[in-house]
């Protein structure tokens, strides 16, 4: 009950061959899905790198403290 029988492994092998093997339509769909996923990851990575570069280039400018003369009279 705890181990897989030969029939389980045959079914798994058939499913894997259907999804990824041969020149069938499904294998090309799975290949395109893999390429799309890789492209998505590359774009996310490059976007993060661009944001880090832009944030390091922008240095905050220090605010000047303005000294205003008081208009109130001292008595």
PDB file of N, CA and C in Angstrom:
ATOM      1  N   UNK A   1       0.818  -1.189   0.000  1.00  0.00           N
ATOM      2  CA  UNK A   1       0.000   0.000   0.000  1.00  0.00           C
ATOM      3  C   UNK A   1       0.865   1.257   0.000  1.00  0.00           C
ATOM      4  N   UNK A   2       2.041   1.198   0.608  1.00  0.00           N
ATOM      5  CA  UNK A   2       2.880   2.383   0.696  1.00  0.00           C
ATOM      6  C   UNK A   2       3.743   2.601  -0.528  1.00  0.00           C
ATOM      7  N   UNK A   3       4.011   1.555  -1.303  1.00  0.00           N
ATOM      8  CA  UNK A   3       4.902   1.685  -2.458  1.00  0.00           C
ATOM      9  C   UNK A   3       4.072   1.728  -3.741  1.00  0.00           C
ATOM     10  N   UNK A   4       4.675   2.306  -4.767  1.00  0.00           N
ATOM     11  CA  UNK A   4       4.003   2.345  -6.062  1.00  0.00           C
ATOM     12  C   UNK A   4       4.229   1.029  -6.789  1.00  0.00           C
ATOM     13  N   UNK A   5       3.187   0.552  -7.429  1.00  0.00           N
ATOM     14  CA  UNK A   5       3.320  -0.677  -8.207  1.00  0.00           C
ATOM     15  C   UNK A   5       3.820  -0.331  -9.608  1.00  0.00           C
ATOM     16  N   UNK A   6       4.053  -1.346 -10.403  1.00  0.00           N
ATOM     17  CA  UNK A   6       4.536  -1.142 -11.770  1.00  0.00           C
ATOM     18  C   UNK A   6       3.515  -0.373 -12.599  1.00  0.00           C
ATOM     19  N   UNK A   7       2.227  -0.566 -12.297  1.00  0.00           N
ATOM     20  CA  UNK A   7       1.179   0.125 -13.057  1.00  0.00           C
ATOM     21  C   UNK A   7       1.192   1.624 -12.790  1.00  0.00           C
ATOM     22  N   UNK A   8       1.506   2.003 -11.577  1.00  0.00           N
ATOM     23  CA  UNK A   8       1.612   3.434 -11.279  1.00  0.00           C
ATOM     24  C   UNK A   8       2.726   4.072 -12.106  1.00  0.00           C
ATOM     25  N   UNK A   9       3.882   3.395 -12.160  1.00  0.00           N
ATOM     26  CA  UNK A   9       5.025   3.938 -12.901  1.00  0.00           C
ATOM     27  C   UNK A   9       4.754   3.972 -14.402  1.00  0.00           C
ATOM     28  N   UNK A  10       4.035   3.000 -14.914  1.00  0.00           N
ATOM     29  CA  UNK A  10       3.689   2.996 -16.343  1.00  0.00           C
ATOM     30  C   UNK A  10       2.770   4.166 -16.669  1.00  0.00           C
ATOM     31  N   UNK A  11       1.802   4.411 -15.819  1.00  0.00           N
ATOM     32  CA  UNK A  11       0.884   5.534 -16.040  1.00  0.00           C
ATOM     33  C   UNK A  11       1.636   6.857 -15.985  1.00  0.00           C
ATOM     34  N   UNK A  12       2.532   7.015 -15.021  1.00  0.00           N
ATOM     35  CA  UNK A  12       3.331   8.239 -14.917  1.00  0.00           C
ATOM     36  C   UNK A  12       4.184   8.417 -16.163  1.00  0.00           C
ATOM     37  N   UNK A  13       4.794   7.346 -16.650  1.00  0.00           N
ATOM     38  CA  UNK A  13       5.624   7.407 -17.846  1.00  0.00           C
ATOM     39  C   UNK A  13       4.801   7.806 -19.069  1.00  0.00           C
ATOM     40  N   UNK A  14       3.619   7.254 -19.209  1.00  0.00           N
ATOM     41  CA  UNK A  14       2.748   7.598 -20.335  1.00  0.00           C
ATOM     42  C   UNK A  14       2.351   9.072 -20.284  1.00  0.00           C
ATOM     43  N   UNK A  15       2.004   9.563 -19.109  1.00  0.00           N
ATOM     44  CA  UNK A  15       1.621  10.972 -18.970  1.00  0.00           C
ATOM     45  C   UNK A  15       2.792  11.885 -19.322  1.00  0.00           C
ATOM     46  N   UNK A  16       3.985  11.545 -18.857  1.00  0.00           N
ATOM     47  CA  UNK A  16       5.171  12.358 -19.160  1.00  0.00           C
ATOM     48  C   UNK A  16       5.459  12.344 -20.654  1.00  0.00           C
ATOM     49  N   UNK A  17       5.350  11.186 -21.286  1.00  0.00           N
ATOM     50  CA  UNK A  17       5.580  11.104 -22.727  1.00  0.00           C
ATOM     51  C   UNK A  17       4.547  11.902 -23.511  1.00  0.00           C
ATOM     52  N   UNK A  18       3.309  11.883 -23.071  1.00  0.00           N
ATOM     53  CA  UNK A  18       2.269  12.652 -23.756  1.00  0.00           C
ATOM     54  C   UNK A  18       2.535  14.148 -23.622  1.00  0.00           C
ATOM     55  N   UNK A  19       2.911  14.584 -22.425  1.00  0.00           N
ATOM     56  CA  UNK A  19       3.114  16.012 -22.199  1.00  0.00           C
ATOM     57  C   UNK A  19       4.390  16.540 -22.847  1.00  0.00           C
ATOM     58  N   UNK A  20       5.493  15.819 -22.747  1.00  0.00           N
ATOM     59  CA  UNK A  20       6.783  16.360 -23.150  1.00  0.00           C
ATOM     60  C   UNK A  20       7.440  15.635 -24.322  1.00  0.00           C
ATOM     61  N   UNK A  21       6.939  14.516 -24.721  1.00  0.00           N
ATOM     62  CA  UNK A  21       7.631  13.735 -25.734  1.00  0.00           C
ATOM     63  C   UNK A  21       7.018  13.864 -27.112  1.00  0.00           C
ATOM     64  N   UNK A  22       7.776  13.391 -28.093  1.00  0.00           N
ATOM     65  CA  UNK A  22       7.275  13.335 -29.456  1.00  0.00           C
ATOM     66  C   UNK A  22       7.151  14.699 -30.103  1.00  0.00           C
ATOM     67  N   UNK A  23       6.494  14.697 -31.277  1.00  0.00           N
ATOM     68  CA  UNK A  23       6.302  15.947 -32.011  1.00  0.00           C
ATOM     69  C   UNK A  23       4.838  16.373 -31.957  1.00  0.00           C
ATOM     70  N   UNK A  24       4.176  16.012 -30.912  1.00  0.00           N
ATOM     71  CA  UNK A  24       2.764  16.328 -30.794  1.00  0.00           C
ATOM     72  C   UNK A  24       2.517  17.787 -30.469  1.00  0.00           C
ATOM     73  N   UNK A  25       1.286  18.159 -30.566  1.00  0.00           N
ATOM     74  CA  UNK A  25       0.890  19.535 -30.301  1.00  0.00           C
ATOM     75  C   UNK A  25       1.098  19.895 -28.834  1.00  0.00           C
ATOM     76  N   UNK A  26       0.837  18.950 -27.965  1.00  0.00           N
ATOM     77  CA  UNK A  26       0.940  19.212 -26.534  1.00  0.00           C
ATOM     78  C   UNK A  26       2.383  19.461 -26.116  1.00  0.00           C
ATOM     79  N   UNK A  27       3.330  18.738 -26.727  1.00  0.00           N
ATOM     80  CA  UNK A  27       4.734  18.961 -26.372  1.00  0.00           C
ATOM     81  C   UNK A  27       5.197  20.340 -26.820  1.00  0.00           C
ATOM     82  N   UNK A  28       4.713  20.811 -27.960  1.00  0.00           N
ATOM     83  CA  UNK A  28       5.092  22.159 -28.402  1.00  0.00           C
ATOM     84  C   UNK A  28       4.453  23.221 -27.510  1.00  0.00           C
ATOM     85  N   UNK A  29       3.262  22.956 -27.026  1.00  0.00           N
ATOM     86  CA  UNK A  29       2.616  23.895 -26.102  1.00  0.00           C
ATOM     87  C   UNK A  29       3.405  23.981 -24.808  1.00  0.00           C
ATOM     88  N   UNK A  30       3.835  22.833 -24.292  1.00  0.00           N
ATOM     89  CA  UNK A  30       4.612  22.834 -23.054  1.00  0.00           C
ATOM     90  C   UNK A  30       5.968  23.513 -23.266  1.00  0.00           C
ATOM     91  N   UNK A  31       6.578  23.327 -24.432  1.00  0.00           N
ATOM     92  CA  UNK A  31       7.837  23.995 -24.740  1.00  0.00           C
ATOM     93  C   UNK A  31       7.662  25.502 -24.807  1.00  0.00           C
ATOM     94  N   UNK A  32       6.575  25.948 -25.444  1.00  0.00           N
ATOM     95  CA  UNK A  32       6.290  27.381 -25.510  1.00  0.00           C
ATOM     96  C   UNK A  32       6.004  27.950 -24.128  1.00  0.00           C
ATOM     97  N   UNK A  33       5.334  27.177 -23.309  1.00  0.00           N
ATOM     98  CA  UNK A  33       5.064  27.614 -21.941  1.00  0.00           C
ATOM     99  C   UNK A  33       6.367  27.803 -21.173  1.00  0.00           C
ATOM    100  N   UNK A  34       7.297  26.871 -21.336  1.00  0.00           N
ATOM    101  CA  UNK A  34       8.602  26.981 -20.677  1.00  0.00           C
ATOM    102  C   UNK A  34       9.372  28.200 -21.153  1.00  0.00           C
ATOM    103  N   UNK A  35       9.338  28.476 -22.456  1.00  0.00           N
ATOM    104  CA  UNK A  35      10.019  29.656 -22.998  1.00  0.00           C
ATOM    105  C   UNK A  35       9.385  30.939 -22.465  1.00  0.00           C
ATOM    106  N   UNK A  36       8.073  30.953 -22.403  1.00  0.00           N
ATOM    107  CA  UNK A  36       7.381  32.130 -21.881  1.00  0.00           C
ATOM    108  C   UNK A  36       7.693  32.372 -20.418  1.00  0.00           C
ATOM    109  N   UNK A  37       7.759  31.312 -19.650  1.00  0.00           N
ATOM    110  CA  UNK A  37       8.089  31.429 -18.233  1.00  0.00           C
ATOM    111  C   UNK A  37       9.508  31.949 -18.049  1.00  0.00           C
ATOM    112  N   UNK A  38      10.439  31.463 -18.855  1.00  0.00           N
ATOM    113  CA  UNK A  38      11.829  31.926 -18.789  1.00  0.00           C
ATOM    114  C   UNK A  38      11.913  33.401 -19.168  1.00  0.00           C
ATOM    115  N   UNK A  39      11.197  33.794 -20.209  1.00  0.00           N
ATOM    116  CA  UNK A  39      11.179  35.189 -20.641  1.00  0.00           C
ATOM    117  C   UNK A  39      10.610  36.086 -19.548  1.00  0.00           C
ATOM    118  N   UNK A  40       9.551  35.643 -18.900  1.00  0.00           N
ATOM    119  CA  UNK A  40       8.945  36.415 -17.815  1.00  0.00           C
ATOM    120  C   UNK A  40       9.931  36.611 -16.673  1.00  0.00           C
ATOM    121  N   UNK A  41      10.630  35.561 -16.280  1.00  0.00           N
ATOM    122  CA  UNK A  41      11.610  35.663 -15.197  1.00  0.00           C
ATOM    123  C   UNK A  41      12.740  36.613 -15.567  1.00  0.00           C
ATOM    124  N   UNK A  42      13.201  36.556 -16.822  1.00  0.00           N
ATOM    125  CA  UNK A  42      14.269  37.454 -17.264  1.00  0.00           C
ATOM    126  C   UNK A  42      13.819  38.910 -17.212  1.00  0.00           C
ATOM    127  N   UNK A  43      12.583  39.173 -17.621  1.00  0.00           N
ATOM    128  CA  UNK A  43      12.070  40.544 -17.608  1.00  0.00           C
ATOM    129  C   UNK A  43      11.934  41.073 -16.186  1.00  0.00           C
ATOM    130  N   UNK A  44      11.464  40.249 -15.275  1.00  0.00           N
ATOM    131  CA  UNK A  44      11.336  40.670 -13.880  1.00  0.00           C
ATOM    132  C   UNK A  44      12.713  40.962 -13.296  1.00  0.00           C
ATOM    133  N   UNK A  45      13.677  40.121 -13.608  1.00  0.00           N
ATOM    134  CA  UNK A  45      15.039  40.311 -13.105  1.00  0.00           C
ATOM    135  C   UNK A  45      15.646  41.598 -13.652  1.00  0.00           C
ATOM    136  N   UNK A  46      15.477  41.861 -14.942  1.00  0.00           N
ATOM    137  CA  UNK A  46      16.051  43.071 -15.530  1.00  0.00           C
ATOM    138  C   UNK A  46      15.350  44.319 -14.999  1.00  0.00           C
ATOM    139  N   UNK A  47      14.059  44.231 -14.729  1.00  0.00           N
ATOM    140  CA  UNK A  47      13.340  45.381 -14.174  1.00  0.00           C
ATOM    141  C   UNK A  47      13.871  45.706 -12.782  1.00  0.00           C
ATOM    142  N   UNK A  48      14.095  44.684 -11.968  1.00  0.00           N
ATOM    143  CA  UNK A  48      14.630  44.899 -10.622  1.00  0.00           C
ATOM    144  C   UNK A  48      16.027  45.502 -10.684  1.00  0.00           C
ATOM    145  N   UNK A  49      16.856  45.050 -11.629  1.00  0.00           N
ATOM    146  CA  UNK A  49      18.203  45.602 -11.768  1.00  0.00           C
ATOM    147  C   UNK A  49      18.145  47.065 -12.191  1.00  0.00           C
ATOM    148  N   UNK A  50      17.231  47.406 -13.108  1.00  0.00           N
ATOM    149  CA  UNK A  50      17.095  48.793 -13.558  1.00  0.00           C
ATOM    150  C   UNK A  50      16.643  49.696 -12.422  1.00  0.00           C
ATOM    151  N   UNK A  51      15.730  49.214 -11.592  1.00  0.00           N
ATOM    152  CA  UNK A  51      15.262  50.016 -10.461  1.00  0.00           C
ATOM    153  C   UNK A  51      16.386  50.254  -9.464  1.00  0.00           C
ATOM    154  N   UNK A  52      17.235  49.249  -9.238  1.00  0.00           N
ATOM    155  CA  UNK A  52      18.354  49.413  -8.314  1.00  0.00           C
ATOM    156  C   UNK A  52      19.357  50.428  -8.855  1.00  0.00           C
ATOM    157  N   UNK A  53      19.608  50.399 -10.157  1.00  0.00           N
ATOM    158  CA  UNK A  53      20.544  51.346 -10.762  1.00  0.00           C
ATOM    159  C   UNK A  53      19.989  52.759 -10.664  1.00  0.00           C
ATOM    160  N   UNK A  54      18.714  52.935 -10.971  1.00  0.00           N
ATOM    161  CA  UNK A  54      18.104  54.263 -10.912  1.00  0.00           C
ATOM    162  C   UNK A  54      18.093  54.804  -9.492  1.00  0.00           C
ATOM    163  N   UNK A  55      17.823  53.962  -8.517  1.00  0.00           N
ATOM    164  CA  UNK A  55      17.771  54.435  -7.135  1.00  0.00           C
ATOM    165  C   UNK A  55      19.162  54.791  -6.633  1.00  0.00           C
ATOM    166  N   UNK A  56      20.198  54.111  -7.111  1.00  0.00           N
ATOM    167  CA  UNK A  56      21.553  54.448  -6.675  1.00  0.00           C
ATOM    168  C   UNK A  56      22.052  55.715  -7.358  1.00  0.00           C
ATOM    169  N   UNK A  57      21.535  56.032  -8.553  1.00  0.00           N
ATOM    170  CA  UNK A  57      21.944  57.247  -9.255  1.00  0.00           C
ATOM    171  C   UNK A  57      21.303  58.488  -8.656  1.00  0.00           C
ATOM    172  N   UNK A  58      20.131  58.364  -8.121  1.00  0.00           N
ATOM    173  CA  UNK A  58      19.427  59.510  -7.557  1.00  0.00           C
ATOM    174  C   UNK A  58      19.863  59.695  -6.116  1.00  0.00           C
ATOM    175  N   UNK A  59      20.614  60.762  -5.891  1.00  0.00           N
ATOM    176  CA  UNK A  59      21.046  61.059  -4.533  1.00  0.00           C
ATOM    177  C   UNK A  59      20.168  62.185  -4.007  1.00  0.00           C
ATOM    178  N   UNK A  60      19.714  62.061  -2.800  1.00  0.00           N
ATOM    179  CA  UNK A  60      18.861  63.122  -2.257  1.00  0.00           C
ATOM    180  C   UNK A  60      19.677  64.396  -2.040  1.00  0.00           C
ATOM    181  N   UNK A  61      19.081  65.513  -2.395  1.00  0.00           N
ATOM    182  CA  UNK A  61      19.756  66.793  -2.197  1.00  0.00           C
ATOM    183  C   UNK A  61      19.464  67.283  -0.789  1.00  0.00           C
ATOM    184  N   UNK A  62      20.490  67.768  -0.101  1.00  0.00           N
ATOM    185  CA  UNK A  62      20.255  68.245   1.265  1.00  0.00           C
ATOM    186  C   UNK A  62      19.456  69.541   1.242  1.00  0.00           C
ATOM    187  N   UNK A  63      18.553  69.650   2.175  1.00  0.00           N
ATOM    188  CA  UNK A  63      17.730  70.853   2.264  1.00  0.00           C
ATOM    189  C   UNK A  63      18.506  71.927   3.005  1.00  0.00           C
ATOM    190  N   UNK A  64      18.427  73.132   2.467  1.00  0.00           N
ATOM    191  CA  UNK A  64      19.087  74.256   3.115  1.00  0.00           C
ATOM    192  C   UNK A  64      18.149  74.822   4.168  1.00  0.00           C
ATOM    193  N   UNK A  65      18.732  75.100   5.307  1.00  0.00           N
ATOM    194  CA  UNK A  65      17.936  75.700   6.365  1.00  0.00           C
ATOM    195  C   UNK A  65      17.941  77.202   6.140  1.00  0.00           C
ATOM    196  N   UNK A  66      16.781  77.740   6.060  1.00  0.00           N
ATOM    197  CA  UNK A  66      16.701  79.182   5.844  1.00  0.00           C
ATOM    198  C   UNK A  66      16.610  79.878   7.200  1.00  0.00           C
ATOM    199  N   UNK A  67      17.419  80.902   7.310  1.00  0.00           N
ATOM    200  CA  UNK A  67      17.410  81.678   8.551  1.00  0.00           C
ATOM    201  C   UNK A  67      16.575  82.928   8.299  1.00  0.00           C
ATOM    202  N   UNK A  68      15.434  82.927   8.867  1.00  0.00           N
ATOM    203  CA  UNK A  68      14.554  84.082   8.715  1.00  0.00           C
ATOM    204  C   UNK A  68      14.742  84.996   9.910  1.00  0.00           C
ATOM    205  N   UNK A  69      14.767  86.256   9.594  1.00  0.00           N
ATOM    206  CA  UNK A  69      14.870  87.232  10.671  1.00  0.00           C
ATOM    207  C   UNK A  69      13.511  87.384  11.322  1.00  0.00           C
ATOM    208  N   UNK A  70      13.553  87.474  12.579  1.00  0.00           N
ATOM    209  CA  UNK A  70      12.320  87.618  13.327  1.00  0.00           C
ATOM    210  C   UNK A  70      11.818  89.044  13.186  1.00  0.00           C
ATOM    211  N   UNK A  71      10.552  89.201  12.962  1.00  0.00           N
ATOM    212  CA  UNK A  71       9.970  90.536  12.832  1.00  0.00           C
ATOM    213  C   UNK A  71       9.371  91.015  14.142  1.00  0.00           C
ATOM    214  N   UNK A  72       9.416  90.180  15.132  1.00  0.00           N
ATOM    215  CA  UNK A  72       8.863  90.575  16.426  1.00  0.00           C
ATOM    216  C   UNK A  72       9.881  91.431  17.163  1.00  0.00           C
ATOM    217  N   UNK A  73       9.377  92.414  17.868  1.00  0.00           N
ATOM    218  CA  UNK A  73      10.238  93.284  18.668  1.00  0.00           C
ATOM    219  C   UNK A  73      10.438  92.699  20.041  1.00  0.00           C
ATOM    220  N   UNK A  74      11.631  92.836  20.487  1.00  0.00           N
ATOM    221  CA  UNK A  74      11.907  92.420  21.854  1.00  0.00           C
ATOM    222  C   UNK A  74      11.701  93.623  22.743  1.00  0.00           C
ATOM    223  N   UNK A  75      11.001  93.457  23.811  1.00  0.00           N
ATOM    224  CA  UNK A  75      10.760  94.587  24.714  1.00  0.00           C
ATOM    225  C   UNK A  75      11.365  94.387  26.048  1.00  0.00           C
TER     226      UNK A  75
END
